[in-house]
Amino acid sequence: MVQQLFTQGFLFDFQTVLDYGQSILSVGQELLKTLLENRPLNTKTVQAQMNRHFHGTAAEGTWQWKDAYEAVEVAQILYLRQKGYKLLLESPLTVLLELEKLVALCPTQTRRSEESVQLQQFSTPLPLAYLVALAGQVSSSDLILEPSAGTGLIAQFGKLQGASLILNELAPDRSKILRRLFPGTPLFGVNAEQINDYLAGISQPSVVLMNPPFSSSPKISSRNPDATKSHINSALQRLANGGRLVTITANWFSPANPSWRETFVRWQEKARVLMSVGVNGKVYSKHGTTIDTRITVIDKVPADNHRQIPCISETLDLPELLALIEHLPLRSSWERSEEVKAAARAKVVQLPFRTTVAQPETVSFLPDDVVVLEYEVIEWTASEGLKDTLYETYRPQRIRIKDALPHPSLLCESAALALVSPPAPTYKPHLPRNIITQGLLF
């Protein structure tokens, strides 16, 4: 999306002139006027404002429709800033119905960009974002982490409750939008699968609200089914003891799914699943999909029974989901401990860029049957040079391991590599005795 501007004989890259975040915000402010008048926001209106503030058309490559949809979401956030405080004084069902009416005024997101497909950028529909925050029982004393903040639809509901925020968003354009919408809020741009490591040294949040990619990881072109688990696991580690995590996932990421049940069981050693329920796919219809999703609520308090996990396999409509959320237990008494109160009040400081990530503290523990792997370093002897064969039989060239068993199959290496001397090792690993004596490691 590059437009060329010719000024006084010089050629400029349009992207160096255009402030993307401010342009999206400006479009959102214009679209807000239509929403405040309770009029439908049609694509013609959106297109006209995008052309105006991006100084060109989509056909010219100045902007994409994905950018326009971001501006529509910004308009929804701005609507909440004007109407949300008063709206939240109503009953939760009234709030939900009003948000559904608002979303109905907006155009359906029917077009995708390459980035949105690769990163699985499906923003949280506004009514669902409200229910996520409601399930978190957010208050003004909370520090909320949103690891995949998108355009800030979920974060805005936390802001309406007076909570403090820590935001993370990997996509650069969306980060620019967040910086304009939430100035002064700590904002990171890291892979949230390692959010606990990246935020080492930052105050622990008392609430995590998240809608992570379902099966997509940065720089991995193929589907990654473990992505959801990695996002939630890292966020749980960052969450303060007694805090609450609410996440949207694909419906298949369920305690009832044999593929993921043991993941939930392991989590319950330190965190209790309060609710996991499917959500009807029609909730996402305005976002261009009808995929069923799932809401899971977890308190970071050990479960009494690790294998007893509340789960509803059926997919529910939003009013039915609201009824369940209203019956969730109050946040754990642990959450109101002085430690967590201090975490919520603590000043959050943006960390400077660093090339290495602080590592969590580890504890050394050796079972009784662990032994030191003893070996003898031997001199390396070069072979007679390259032969006609491409491969040579492989054998350890610099060490001789005591009591080691031969490999059960023939190993080989390239003939060229066989001519290179490996470095002499110095470290001696600790291994269970039977791995050595029974030849289990090869």
Protein backbone atom coordinates (compact mmCIF):
# COMPACT_ATOMS: atom_id res chain seq x y z
CA MET A 1 0.00 0.00 0.00
CA VAL A 2 2.46 2.58 -1.16
CA GLN A 3 1.48 5.75 -2.95
CA GLN A 4 4.16 7.86 -4.54
CA LEU A 5 4.10 11.60 -3.93
CA PHE A 6 6.06 13.92 -6.16
CA THR A 7 7.00 17.14 -4.44
CA GLN A 8 9.42 19.64 -5.95
CA GLY A 9 10.98 16.93 -8.08
CA PHE A 10 11.60 14.51 -5.20
CA LEU A 11 10.07 11.05 -4.79
CA PHE A 12 8.69 10.16 -1.34
CA ASP A 13 7.38 6.91 0.08
CA PHE A 14 3.82 7.70 1.17
CA GLN A 15 4.15 5.48 4.25
CA THR A 16 6.82 7.85 5.62
CA VAL A 17 4.29 10.68 5.41
CA LEU A 18 1.14 8.92 6.58
CA ASP A 19 0.57 8.28 10.29
CA TYR A 20 -1.34 5.00 10.04
CA GLY A 21 -2.65 4.96 13.60
CA GLN A 22 -3.82 8.57 13.46
CA SER A 23 -5.45 8.03 10.05
CA ILE A 24 -7.43 5.03 11.32
CA LEU A 25 -8.43 7.02 14.41
CA SER A 26 -9.57 9.94 12.23
CA VAL A 27 -11.70 7.62 10.10
CA GLY A 28 -13.15 6.07 13.26
CA GLN A 29 -14.07 9.50 14.59
CA GLU A 30 -16.01 10.26 11.40
CA LEU A 31 -17.77 6.88 11.42
CA LEU A 32 -18.70 7.42 15.06
CA LYS A 33 -21.01 10.27 14.03
CA THR A 34 -23.15 7.83 12.04
CA LEU A 35 -23.31 5.34 14.91
CA LEU A 36 -24.29 8.04 17.40
CA GLU A 37 -27.20 8.89 15.11
CA ASN A 38 -28.22 5.21 15.20
CA ARG A 39 -27.89 4.95 11.42
CA PRO A 40 -26.44 1.98 9.49
CA LEU A 41 -22.79 2.35 8.61
CA ASN A 42 -22.65 1.27 4.96
CA THR A 43 -19.55 0.44 2.95
CA LYS A 44 -19.96 3.56 0.80
CA THR A 45 -19.59 5.78 3.86
CA VAL A 46 -16.61 3.80 5.13
CA GLN A 47 -14.94 3.90 1.73
CA ALA A 48 -15.38 7.65 1.39
CA GLN A 49 -13.77 8.33 4.77
CA MET A 50 -10.89 5.95 4.06
CA ASN A 51 -10.23 7.66 0.72
CA ARG A 52 -10.26 11.03 2.45
CA HIS A 53 -7.94 10.26 5.35
CA PHE A 54 -5.57 7.96 3.43
CA HIS A 55 -5.38 10.39 0.49
CA GLY A 56 -6.20 7.73 -2.08
CA THR A 57 -8.34 4.71 -2.86
CA ALA A 58 -8.17 0.98 -2.21
CA ALA A 59 -7.88 0.46 -5.97
CA GLU A 60 -4.74 2.59 -5.96
CA GLY A 61 -3.31 0.47 -3.14
CA THR A 62 -3.40 3.27 -0.59
CA TRP A 63 -5.42 1.20 1.88
CA GLN A 64 -6.96 -2.26 2.19
CA TRP A 65 -10.43 -3.22 3.36
CA LYS A 66 -8.84 -4.80 6.41
CA ASP A 67 -7.74 -1.28 7.37
CA ALA A 68 -11.32 -0.08 6.91
CA TYR A 69 -12.64 -2.79 9.22
CA GLU A 70 -10.10 -1.72 11.85
CA ALA A 71 -11.51 1.81 11.58
CA VAL A 72 -15.04 0.47 12.12
CA GLU A 73 -13.86 -1.28 15.29
CA VAL A 74 -12.23 1.95 16.43
CA ALA A 75 -15.57 3.69 15.91
CA GLN A 76 -17.19 1.09 18.20
CA ILE A 77 -14.57 1.78 20.87
CA LEU A 78 -15.14 5.52 20.59
CA TYR A 79 -18.88 4.89 20.89
CA LEU A 80 -18.25 3.06 24.17
CA ARG A 81 -16.22 6.01 25.44
CA GLN A 82 -19.20 8.28 24.91
CA LYS A 83 -22.07 5.97 25.82
CA GLY A 84 -20.46 3.10 27.71
CA TYR A 85 -20.30 4.51 31.23
CA LYS A 86 -24.02 5.22 31.29
CA LEU A 87 -24.85 1.99 29.47
CA LEU A 88 -23.05 -0.16 32.06
CA LEU A 89 -25.43 1.14 34.72
CA GLU A 90 -28.17 -0.92 33.06
CA SER A 91 -28.75 -4.64 33.61
CA PRO A 92 -26.23 -6.95 31.89
CA LEU A 93 -28.92 -8.25 29.54
CA THR A 94 -29.83 -4.71 28.49
CA VAL A 95 -26.15 -3.94 27.88
CA LEU A 96 -25.78 -7.08 25.79
CA LEU A 97 -28.82 -6.31 23.64
CA GLU A 98 -27.73 -2.70 23.07
CA LEU A 99 -24.27 -3.85 21.98
CA GLU A 100 -25.83 -6.32 19.56
CA LYS A 101 -27.86 -3.46 18.06
CA LEU A 102 -24.70 -1.38 17.69
CA VAL A 103 -22.83 -4.17 15.90
CA ALA A 104 -25.82 -4.70 13.58
CA LEU A 105 -25.32 -1.13 12.31
CA CYS A 106 -21.79 -1.96 11.12
CA PRO A 107 -20.79 -3.56 7.80
CA THR A 108 -19.86 -7.25 7.65
CA GLN A 109 -16.14 -7.95 7.35
CA THR A 110 -16.04 -9.92 4.11
CA ARG A 111 -12.46 -9.37 2.93
CA ARG A 112 -9.16 -10.55 4.37
CA SER A 113 -5.59 -9.37 4.08
CA GLU A 114 -2.62 -11.70 3.91
CA GLU A 115 -1.59 -10.67 7.42
CA SER A 116 -5.06 -11.22 8.88
CA VAL A 117 -5.11 -14.76 7.49
CA GLN A 118 -1.57 -15.59 8.60
CA LEU A 119 -2.04 -14.25 12.15
CA GLN A 120 -5.70 -15.36 12.40
CA GLN A 121 -6.84 -11.84 13.21
CA PHE A 122 -10.48 -12.29 14.15
CA SER A 123 -11.33 -9.45 16.50
CA THR A 124 -13.68 -10.16 19.38
CA PRO A 125 -17.26 -9.11 18.55
CA LEU A 126 -18.29 -6.29 20.86
CA PRO A 127 -21.05 -8.21 22.72
CA LEU A 128 -18.68 -11.13 23.33
CA ALA A 129 -15.93 -8.74 24.48
CA TYR A 130 -18.38 -7.38 27.05
CA LEU A 131 -19.12 -10.88 28.36
CA VAL A 132 -15.40 -11.68 28.61
CA ALA A 133 -14.86 -8.62 30.81
CA LEU A 134 -18.01 -9.42 32.80
CA ALA A 135 -16.71 -12.94 33.47
CA GLY A 136 -13.46 -11.41 34.70
CA GLN A 137 -15.42 -9.41 37.32
CA VAL A 138 -13.16 -6.47 36.59
CA SER A 139 -12.92 -3.59 39.07
CA SER A 140 -10.95 -0.37 39.36
CA SER A 141 -8.33 -2.08 41.56
CA ASP A 142 -7.36 -4.54 38.82
CA LEU A 143 -4.34 -4.63 36.56
CA ILE A 144 -5.48 -6.30 33.32
CA LEU A 145 -3.18 -7.98 30.81
CA GLU A 146 -4.51 -8.49 27.30
CA PRO A 147 -1.83 -10.53 25.48
CA SER A 148 -3.46 -10.31 22.01
CA ALA A 149 -5.08 -6.90 22.20
CA GLY A 150 -6.05 -6.45 18.53
CA THR A 151 -7.74 -3.06 18.19
CA GLY A 152 -8.64 -2.88 21.89
CA LEU A 153 -12.28 -4.03 21.93
CA ILE A 154 -11.83 -6.14 25.07
CA ALA A 155 -9.43 -3.68 26.68
CA GLN A 156 -11.97 -0.88 26.41
CA PHE A 157 -14.40 -2.70 28.73
CA GLY A 158 -11.64 -2.96 31.31
CA LYS A 159 -10.98 0.74 30.87
CA LEU A 160 -14.66 1.52 31.46
CA GLN A 161 -14.35 -0.15 34.88
CA GLY A 162 -11.36 2.03 35.76
CA ALA A 163 -8.83 -0.82 35.63
CA SER A 164 -5.18 -0.36 34.64
CA LEU A 165 -3.99 -2.08 31.46
CA ILE A 166 -0.97 -3.84 30.01
CA LEU A 167 -1.44 -4.46 26.28
CA ASN A 168 0.44 -6.64 23.83
CA GLU A 169 -0.10 -6.85 20.09
CA LEU A 170 2.25 -8.46 17.59
CA ALA A 171 0.86 -6.88 14.40
CA PRO A 172 2.61 -3.51 13.80
CA ASP A 173 -0.41 -1.71 12.31
CA ARG A 174 -2.68 -2.74 15.15
CA SER A 175 -0.02 -1.62 17.63
CA LYS A 176 -0.10 1.82 16.01
CA ILE A 177 -3.87 1.93 16.52
CA LEU A 178 -3.55 0.90 20.17
CA ARG A 179 -0.93 3.55 20.77
CA ARG A 180 -3.38 6.19 19.55
CA LEU A 181 -6.38 4.76 21.41
CA PHE A 182 -4.61 4.05 24.71
CA PRO A 183 -1.83 6.65 25.02
CA GLY A 184 0.36 6.13 28.06
CA THR A 185 -0.68 2.49 28.43
CA PRO A 186 2.23 -0.01 28.47
CA LEU A 187 2.22 -1.61 25.02
CA PHE A 188 4.38 -4.51 23.87
CA GLY A 189 4.75 -6.18 20.49
CA VAL A 190 5.95 -9.71 21.29
CA ASN A 191 4.82 -13.26 20.61
CA ALA A 192 2.32 -13.86 23.41
CA GLU A 193 3.19 -17.56 23.48
CA GLN A 194 6.13 -16.39 25.63
CA ILE A 195 4.43 -13.43 27.31
CA ASN A 196 5.51 -14.56 30.78
CA ASP A 197 9.17 -14.46 29.77
CA TYR A 198 8.95 -11.18 27.91
CA LEU A 199 7.21 -9.45 30.83
CA ALA A 200 9.67 -10.70 33.44
CA GLY A 201 10.12 -7.94 35.99
CA ILE A 202 6.74 -6.35 35.23
CA SER A 203 4.01 -6.30 37.90
CA GLN A 204 1.82 -9.38 37.71
CA PRO A 205 -1.74 -8.73 36.46
CA SER A 206 -4.70 -9.68 38.61
CA VAL A 207 -6.82 -10.36 35.49
CA VAL A 208 -5.98 -11.71 32.03
CA LEU A 209 -8.54 -11.24 29.24
CA MET A 210 -7.52 -12.87 25.99
CA ASN A 211 -8.53 -13.99 22.53
CA PRO A 212 -5.36 -15.66 21.19
CA PRO A 213 -4.81 -17.10 17.71
CA PHE A 214 -6.38 -20.55 17.60
CA SER A 215 -3.72 -22.40 15.60
CA SER A 216 -1.25 -19.85 14.26
CA SER A 217 2.26 -18.98 15.43
CA PRO A 218 4.56 -16.24 14.09
CA LYS A 219 6.97 -17.34 11.33
CA ILE A 220 5.35 -20.79 11.12
CA SER A 221 3.48 -21.20 7.85
CA SER A 222 1.71 -24.43 8.76
CA ARG A 223 -1.05 -24.88 11.31
CA ASN A 224 0.16 -25.07 14.92
CA PRO A 225 -2.48 -26.85 17.05
CA ASP A 226 -0.49 -26.11 20.23
CA ALA A 227 -0.68 -22.33 19.77
CA THR A 228 -3.75 -21.88 21.98
CA LYS A 229 -2.25 -23.99 24.76
CA SER A 230 1.02 -22.06 24.62
CA HIS A 231 -0.74 -18.69 24.83
CA ILE A 232 -2.88 -19.68 27.81
CA ASN A 233 -0.07 -21.48 29.62
CA SER A 234 2.24 -18.46 29.44
CA ALA A 235 -0.54 -16.06 30.48
CA LEU A 236 -1.38 -18.27 33.47
CA GLN A 237 2.24 -18.16 34.57
CA ARG A 238 2.20 -14.36 34.41
CA LEU A 239 -1.13 -14.08 36.28
CA ALA A 240 -0.90 -13.32 40.00
CA ASN A 241 -1.92 -16.06 42.43
CA GLY A 242 -5.66 -15.88 42.94
CA GLY A 243 -6.17 -13.86 39.76
CA ARG A 244 -8.66 -14.71 37.02
CA LEU A 245 -8.07 -15.56 33.36
CA VAL A 246 -10.88 -15.46 30.79
CA THR A 247 -10.11 -16.69 27.29
CA ILE A 248 -11.83 -17.18 23.97
CA THR A 249 -10.64 -20.23 22.06
CA ALA A 250 -11.79 -22.45 19.24
CA ASN A 251 -14.59 -24.74 20.40
CA TRP A 252 -12.34 -27.78 19.95
CA PHE A 253 -10.02 -26.54 22.72
CA SER A 254 -12.19 -28.13 25.37
CA PRO A 255 -11.69 -30.22 28.52
CA ALA A 256 -14.09 -32.70 26.92
CA ASN A 257 -11.77 -33.17 23.95
CA PRO A 258 -9.45 -36.14 24.67
CA SER A 259 -6.65 -34.34 22.82
CA TRP A 260 -6.64 -31.51 25.37
CA ARG A 261 -8.06 -32.99 28.54
CA GLU A 262 -4.68 -33.70 30.13
CA THR A 263 -3.63 -30.10 29.45
CA PHE A 264 -6.55 -28.88 31.57
CA VAL A 265 -5.81 -31.50 34.23
CA ARG A 266 -2.22 -30.23 34.54
CA TRP A 267 -3.41 -26.64 34.77
CA GLN A 268 -5.72 -27.60 37.63
CA GLU A 269 -2.71 -28.35 39.79
CA LYS A 270 -2.26 -24.57 40.11
CA ALA A 271 -5.43 -23.10 38.61
CA ARG A 272 -9.10 -24.04 38.82
CA VAL A 273 -11.32 -24.10 35.73
CA LEU A 274 -14.63 -22.50 36.74
CA MET A 275 -16.40 -22.71 33.40
CA SER A 276 -15.79 -23.88 29.84
CA VAL A 277 -18.70 -23.47 27.45
CA GLY A 278 -19.16 -23.42 23.68
CA VAL A 279 -20.37 -20.26 21.92
CA ASN A 280 -22.58 -20.33 18.83
CA GLY A 281 -20.68 -19.36 15.69
CA LYS A 282 -23.28 -16.83 14.59
CA VAL A 283 -21.78 -14.45 17.18
CA TYR A 284 -18.91 -13.90 14.72
CA SER A 285 -21.09 -13.43 11.62
CA LYS A 286 -20.32 -9.69 11.36
CA HIS A 287 -16.62 -10.55 11.43
CA GLY A 288 -16.91 -12.73 8.35
CA THR A 289 -17.01 -16.19 9.92
CA THR A 290 -19.41 -18.48 11.76
CA ILE A 291 -16.89 -20.68 13.53
CA ASP A 292 -17.98 -21.95 16.95
CA THR A 293 -15.84 -20.67 19.79
CA ARG A 294 -15.48 -21.37 23.50
CA ILE A 295 -15.23 -19.27 26.66
CA THR A 296 -13.11 -20.66 29.49
CA VAL A 297 -12.77 -19.02 32.91
CA ILE A 298 -9.86 -20.00 35.17
CA ASP A 299 -8.95 -18.80 38.67
CA LYS A 300 -5.32 -19.22 39.67
CA VAL A 301 -6.17 -21.24 42.75
CA PRO A 302 -5.36 -24.99 42.91
CA ALA A 303 -8.36 -27.21 42.24
CA ASP A 304 -9.49 -29.69 44.90
CA ASN A 305 -9.88 -32.42 42.28
CA HIS A 306 -7.58 -32.04 39.28
CA ARG A 307 -9.68 -34.30 37.07
CA GLN A 308 -13.05 -32.73 37.84
CA ILE A 309 -13.44 -29.98 35.23
CA PRO A 310 -16.78 -28.24 34.58
CA CYS A 311 -17.49 -28.25 30.85
CA ILE A 312 -20.50 -27.68 28.59
CA SER A 313 -19.99 -29.18 25.16
CA GLU A 314 -23.05 -27.55 23.57
CA THR A 315 -22.72 -24.13 21.93
CA LEU A 316 -24.87 -21.42 23.50
CA ASP A 317 -26.24 -18.09 22.34
CA LEU A 318 -25.00 -14.97 24.12
CA PRO A 319 -28.02 -14.52 26.44
CA GLU A 320 -27.57 -18.13 27.59
CA LEU A 321 -23.86 -17.51 28.09
CA LEU A 322 -24.67 -14.38 30.08
CA ALA A 323 -26.86 -16.40 32.45
CA LEU A 324 -23.94 -18.73 33.20
CA ILE A 325 -21.49 -15.87 33.68
CA GLU A 326 -23.81 -14.18 36.16
CA HIS A 327 -23.64 -17.33 38.31
CA LEU A 328 -19.85 -17.56 38.34
CA PRO A 329 -18.35 -17.56 41.83
CA LEU A 330 -16.83 -14.34 43.06
CA ARG A 331 -13.14 -13.87 42.52
CA SER A 332 -11.06 -15.90 44.94
CA SER A 333 -10.34 -14.47 48.37
CA TRP A 334 -6.70 -15.08 47.48
CA GLU A 335 -7.08 -12.43 44.79
CA ARG A 336 -7.74 -9.83 47.44
CA SER A 337 -4.52 -10.63 49.27
CA GLU A 338 -2.17 -7.72 49.94
CA GLU A 339 0.32 -9.20 47.47
CA VAL A 340 -2.11 -9.01 44.57
CA LYS A 341 -3.54 -5.65 45.60
CA ALA A 342 0.00 -4.31 45.45
CA ALA A 343 0.48 -5.85 42.01
CA ALA A 344 -2.62 -4.10 40.72
CA ARG A 345 -1.50 -0.76 42.14
CA ALA A 346 2.09 -1.04 41.03
CA LYS A 347 3.44 1.30 38.44
CA VAL A 348 4.13 -0.49 35.17
CA VAL A 349 7.27 0.54 33.35
CA GLN A 350 8.00 -0.15 29.68
CA LEU A 351 11.05 -2.37 29.49
CA PRO A 352 13.83 -1.29 27.15
CA PHE A 353 14.54 -3.54 24.18
CA ARG A 354 16.90 -6.36 24.97
CA THR A 355 18.25 -9.19 22.91
CA THR A 356 17.92 -11.81 25.62
CA VAL A 357 14.95 -12.64 27.78
CA ALA A 358 15.24 -13.11 31.52
CA GLN A 359 14.91 -16.78 32.38
CA PRO A 360 12.69 -18.04 35.18
CA GLU A 361 14.43 -19.44 38.23
CA THR A 362 14.89 -23.20 38.09
CA VAL A 363 15.28 -25.68 40.90
CA SER A 364 17.79 -28.52 40.63
CA PHE A 365 16.35 -31.89 41.59
CA LEU A 366 18.09 -35.23 41.04
CA PRO A 367 16.41 -38.59 41.67
CA ASP A 368 18.41 -41.25 43.52
CA ASP A 369 19.17 -43.33 40.40
CA VAL A 370 20.80 -40.49 38.46
CA VAL A 371 24.48 -40.97 37.63
CA VAL A 372 27.13 -38.90 35.89
CA LEU A 373 27.70 -39.99 32.31
CA GLU A 374 31.36 -40.99 32.35
CA TYR A 375 33.34 -40.87 29.12
CA GLU A 376 36.92 -40.73 27.91
CA VAL A 377 38.06 -38.04 25.51
CA ILE A 378 40.07 -39.57 22.68
CA GLU A 379 42.28 -38.05 20.03
CA TRP A 380 40.69 -37.42 16.67
CA THR A 381 42.31 -39.12 13.72
CA ALA A 382 41.59 -37.88 10.22
CA SER A 383 40.53 -40.36 7.59
CA GLU A 384 42.48 -40.82 4.39
CA GLY A 385 40.57 -38.05 2.62
CA LEU A 386 37.48 -37.94 0.46
CA LYS A 387 36.52 -41.20 -1.13
CA ASP A 388 34.17 -42.00 -3.97
CA THR A 389 31.31 -42.62 -1.54
CA LEU A 390 28.99 -39.83 -0.39
CA TYR A 391 28.60 -41.21 3.14
CA GLU A 392 30.80 -42.77 5.81
CA THR A 393 29.85 -45.02 8.71
CA TYR A 394 29.33 -42.83 11.77
CA ARG A 395 30.97 -43.50 15.11
CA PRO A 396 31.75 -41.13 18.02
CA GLN A 397 35.04 -39.48 17.07
CA ARG A 398 36.10 -37.70 20.27
CA ILE A 399 34.62 -39.70 23.17
CA ARG A 400 34.35 -43.27 24.34
CA ILE A 401 31.40 -43.74 26.74
CA LYS A 402 31.82 -46.27 29.52
CA ASP A 403 29.32 -49.16 29.41
CA ALA A 404 27.58 -47.70 26.34
CA LEU A 405 25.68 -50.14 24.15
CA PRO A 406 26.02 -50.06 20.36
CA HIS A 407 23.34 -48.24 18.40
CA PRO A 408 20.65 -50.70 17.26
CA SER A 409 20.90 -49.54 13.64
CA LEU A 410 23.65 -48.46 11.27
CA LEU A 411 24.40 -44.74 11.36
CA CYS A 412 26.12 -42.68 8.71
CA GLU A 413 27.32 -39.15 8.06
CA SER A 414 28.45 -37.29 4.96
CA ALA A 415 31.95 -38.06 3.81
CA ALA A 416 32.86 -34.37 3.98
CA LEU A 417 31.68 -34.07 7.59
CA ALA A 418 33.75 -37.10 8.56
CA LEU A 419 36.86 -35.07 7.70
CA VAL A 420 36.03 -32.35 10.25
CA SER A 421 37.29 -32.69 13.81
CA PRO A 422 34.50 -32.27 16.40
CA PRO A 423 35.37 -30.20 19.50
CA ALA A 424 36.37 -32.11 22.61
CA PRO A 425 33.50 -32.03 25.13
CA THR A 426 33.96 -31.11 28.79
CA TYR A 427 30.42 -31.28 30.20
CA LYS A 428 29.24 -34.55 31.74
CA PRO A 429 25.45 -34.82 31.83
CA HIS A 430 23.44 -36.45 34.62
CA LEU A 431 21.17 -39.23 33.40
CA PRO A 432 19.02 -41.94 34.98
CA ARG A 433 21.14 -45.09 35.24
CA ASN A 434 18.82 -47.25 33.12
CA ILE A 435 19.17 -44.92 30.13
CA ILE A 436 22.84 -45.90 29.98
CA THR A 437 22.69 -49.55 31.04
CA GLN A 438 19.64 -50.41 28.92
CA GLY A 439 20.57 -48.33 25.89
CA LEU A 440 17.35 -46.29 25.99
CA LEU A 441 18.89 -43.12 24.55
CA PHE A 442 20.09 -43.27 20.98
